[in-house]
Amino acid sequence: MQERINEIQELYREWLKLNENSERILDELCQRQKIIKKLLVFYESDYRKFYDAIDGGASVDLTTKGEYSIMSEDALWNAFVEERELYEELEKLISPD
């Protein structure tokens, strides 16, 4: 019995430590959602117009700090897919078995 109590106490202690980060994690998820919404607005409005203009010879600087340019064909799309996959994984974690 003591061994089991110790085991569960240790699990609880571990949970308490993880729980300290809950607010930060929620804040980050909210920030991600705000950003992805802004990216989606751009993608659904200006992206095609800008892409066509650049394809037609418009001179713009697409230099980045190492990440893919938002004007590459897949950068934003991949961000949307990755965000959706993250939320699908989170949904699996919180859904009852």
C-alpha atoms as a PDB file:
ATOM      1  CA  MET A   1       0.000   0.000   0.000  1.00  0.00           C
ATOM      2  CA  GLN A   2       2.786   2.463   0.896  1.00  0.00           C
ATOM      3  CA  GLU A   3       4.511   1.807  -2.393  1.00  0.00           C
ATOM      4  CA  ARG A   4       1.320   2.647  -4.305  1.00  0.00           C
ATOM      5  CA  ILE A   5       0.769   5.836  -2.269  1.00  0.00           C
ATOM      6  CA  ASN A   6       4.358   6.893  -2.971  1.00  0.00           C
ATOM      7  CA  GLU A   7       3.938   6.166  -6.663  1.00  0.00           C
ATOM      8  CA  ILE A   8       0.757   8.244  -6.931  1.00  0.00           C
ATOM      9  CA  GLN A   9       2.232  11.025  -4.796  1.00  0.00           C
ATOM     10  CA  GLU A  10       5.154  11.213  -7.213  1.00  0.00           C
ATOM     11  CA  LEU A  11       2.758  11.385 -10.172  1.00  0.00           C
ATOM     12  CA  TYR A  12       0.861  14.192  -8.470  1.00  0.00           C
ATOM     13  CA  ARG A  13       4.126  16.049  -7.827  1.00  0.00           C
ATOM     14  CA  GLU A  14       5.016  15.665 -11.500  1.00  0.00           C
ATOM     15  CA  TRP A  15       1.566  16.963 -12.508  1.00  0.00           C
ATOM     16  CA  LEU A  16       1.985  20.017 -10.246  1.00  0.00           C
ATOM     17  CA  LYS A  17       5.255  20.846 -11.961  1.00  0.00           C
ATOM     18  CA  LEU A  18       3.699  20.507 -15.410  1.00  0.00           C
ATOM     19  CA  ASN A  19       0.671  22.507 -14.329  1.00  0.00           C
ATOM     20  CA  GLU A  20       2.894  25.519 -13.600  1.00  0.00           C
ATOM     21  CA  ASN A  21       3.176  25.983 -17.375  1.00  0.00           C
ATOM     22  CA  SER A  22      -0.551  25.776 -18.121  1.00  0.00           C
ATOM     23  CA  GLU A  23      -1.142  29.518 -18.357  1.00  0.00           C
ATOM     24  CA  ARG A  24       1.861  30.015 -20.634  1.00  0.00           C
ATOM     25  CA  ILE A  25       0.726  27.159 -22.871  1.00  0.00           C
ATOM     26  CA  LEU A  26      -2.782  28.592 -23.139  1.00  0.00           C
ATOM     27  CA  ASP A  27      -1.381  32.049 -23.887  1.00  0.00           C
ATOM     28  CA  GLU A  28       0.798  30.591 -26.637  1.00  0.00           C
ATOM     29  CA  LEU A  29      -2.153  28.738 -28.159  1.00  0.00           C
ATOM     30  CA  CYS A  30      -4.187  31.964 -28.166  1.00  0.00           C
ATOM     31  CA  GLN A  31      -1.307  33.859 -29.771  1.00  0.00           C
ATOM     32  CA  ARG A  32      -0.896  31.143 -32.411  1.00  0.00           C
ATOM     33  CA  GLN A  33      -4.597  31.369 -33.208  1.00  0.00           C
ATOM     34  CA  LYS A  34      -4.455  35.167 -33.591  1.00  0.00           C
ATOM     35  CA  ILE A  35      -1.463  34.903 -35.907  1.00  0.00           C
ATOM     36  CA  ILE A  36      -2.898  32.095 -38.022  1.00  0.00           C
ATOM     37  CA  LYS A  37      -6.129  34.079 -38.485  1.00  0.00           C
ATOM     38  CA  LYS A  38      -4.140  37.069 -39.769  1.00  0.00           C
ATOM     39  CA  LEU A  39      -2.149  34.824 -42.092  1.00  0.00           C
ATOM     40  CA  LEU A  40      -5.383  33.306 -43.387  1.00  0.00           C
ATOM     41  CA  VAL A  41      -6.903  36.738 -44.059  1.00  0.00           C
ATOM     42  CA  PHE A  42      -3.811  37.622 -46.106  1.00  0.00           C
ATOM     43  CA  TYR A  43      -3.882  34.284 -47.916  1.00  0.00           C
ATOM     44  CA  GLU A  44      -7.559  34.648 -48.823  1.00  0.00           C
ATOM     45  CA  SER A  45      -7.276  38.281 -49.917  1.00  0.00           C
ATOM     46  CA  ASP A  46      -3.941  39.704 -51.085  1.00  0.00           C
ATOM     47  CA  TYR A  47      -1.836  36.595 -51.625  1.00  0.00           C
ATOM     48  CA  ARG A  48      -3.017  35.688 -55.150  1.00  0.00           C
ATOM     49  CA  LYS A  49      -2.892  39.318 -56.314  1.00  0.00           C
ATOM     50  CA  PHE A  50       0.638  39.733 -54.957  1.00  0.00           C
ATOM     51  CA  TYR A  51       1.747  36.348 -56.315  1.00  0.00           C
ATOM     52  CA  ASP A  52       0.492  37.183 -59.804  1.00  0.00           C
ATOM     53  CA  ALA A  53       2.154  40.607 -59.704  1.00  0.00           C
ATOM     54  CA  ILE A  54       5.481  39.091 -58.655  1.00  0.00           C
ATOM     55  CA  ASP A  55       5.110  36.385 -61.297  1.00  0.00           C
ATOM     56  CA  GLY A  56       4.490  39.180 -63.793  1.00  0.00           C
ATOM     57  CA  GLY A  57       7.740  40.898 -62.888  1.00  0.00           C
ATOM     58  CA  ALA A  58       6.927  43.159 -59.944  1.00  0.00           C
ATOM     59  CA  SER A  59      10.105  43.955 -58.062  1.00  0.00           C
ATOM     60  CA  VAL A  60       9.869  43.076 -54.377  1.00  0.00           C
ATOM     61  CA  ASP A  61      12.442  41.926 -51.851  1.00  0.00           C
ATOM     62  CA  LEU A  62      11.542  38.437 -50.636  1.00  0.00           C
ATOM     63  CA  THR A  63      14.690  38.027 -48.535  1.00  0.00           C
ATOM     64  CA  THR A  64      13.922  36.389 -45.185  1.00  0.00           C
ATOM     65  CA  LYS A  65      15.847  35.599 -42.014  1.00  0.00           C
ATOM     66  CA  GLY A  66      16.085  31.940 -43.013  1.00  0.00           C
ATOM     67  CA  GLU A  67      12.447  30.884 -43.107  1.00  0.00           C
ATOM     68  CA  TYR A  68      10.548  30.337 -46.357  1.00  0.00           C
ATOM     69  CA  SER A  69       9.082  33.456 -47.917  1.00  0.00           C
ATOM     70  CA  ILE A  70       5.351  33.867 -47.399  1.00  0.00           C
ATOM     71  CA  MET A  71       5.162  34.287 -51.163  1.00  0.00           C
ATOM     72  CA  SER A  72       6.479  30.788 -51.820  1.00  0.00           C
ATOM     73  CA  GLU A  73       3.655  28.523 -52.903  1.00  0.00           C
ATOM     74  CA  ASP A  74       3.633  26.320 -49.832  1.00  0.00           C
ATOM     75  CA  ALA A  75       4.839  28.345 -46.828  1.00  0.00           C
ATOM     76  CA  LEU A  76       1.472  29.630 -45.621  1.00  0.00           C
ATOM     77  CA  TRP A  77      -0.406  26.522 -46.717  1.00  0.00           C
ATOM     78  CA  ASN A  78       1.978  24.361 -44.691  1.00  0.00           C
ATOM     79  CA  ALA A  79       1.479  26.630 -41.665  1.00  0.00           C
ATOM     80  CA  PHE A  80      -2.291  26.161 -41.940  1.00  0.00           C
ATOM     81  CA  VAL A  81      -1.936  22.392 -42.239  1.00  0.00           C
ATOM     82  CA  GLU A  82       0.473  22.194 -39.288  1.00  0.00           C
ATOM     83  CA  GLU A  83      -1.846  24.319 -37.151  1.00  0.00           C
ATOM     84  CA  ARG A  84      -4.822  22.106 -38.007  1.00  0.00           C
ATOM     85  CA  GLU A  85      -2.791  18.975 -37.197  1.00  0.00           C
ATOM     86  CA  LEU A  86      -1.800  20.459 -33.827  1.00  0.00           C
ATOM     87  CA  TYR A  87      -5.426  21.110 -32.910  1.00  0.00           C
ATOM     88  CA  GLU A  88      -6.430  17.625 -34.076  1.00  0.00           C
ATOM     89  CA  GLU A  89      -3.792  16.160 -31.751  1.00  0.00           C
ATOM     90  CA  LEU A  90      -4.991  18.362 -28.892  1.00  0.00           C
ATOM     91  CA  GLU A  91      -8.551  17.254 -29.547  1.00  0.00           C
ATOM     92  CA  LYS A  92      -7.477  13.608 -29.299  1.00  0.00           C
ATOM     93  CA  LEU A  93      -5.840  14.348 -25.954  1.00  0.00           C
ATOM     94  CA  ILE A  94      -8.911  15.972 -24.436  1.00  0.00           C
ATOM     95  CA  SER A  95     -11.563  13.713 -25.957  1.00  0.00           C
ATOM     96  CA  PRO A  96     -12.906  11.008 -23.676  1.00  0.00           C
ATOM     97  CA  ASP A  97     -11.753   7.533 -24.636  1.00  0.00           C
END
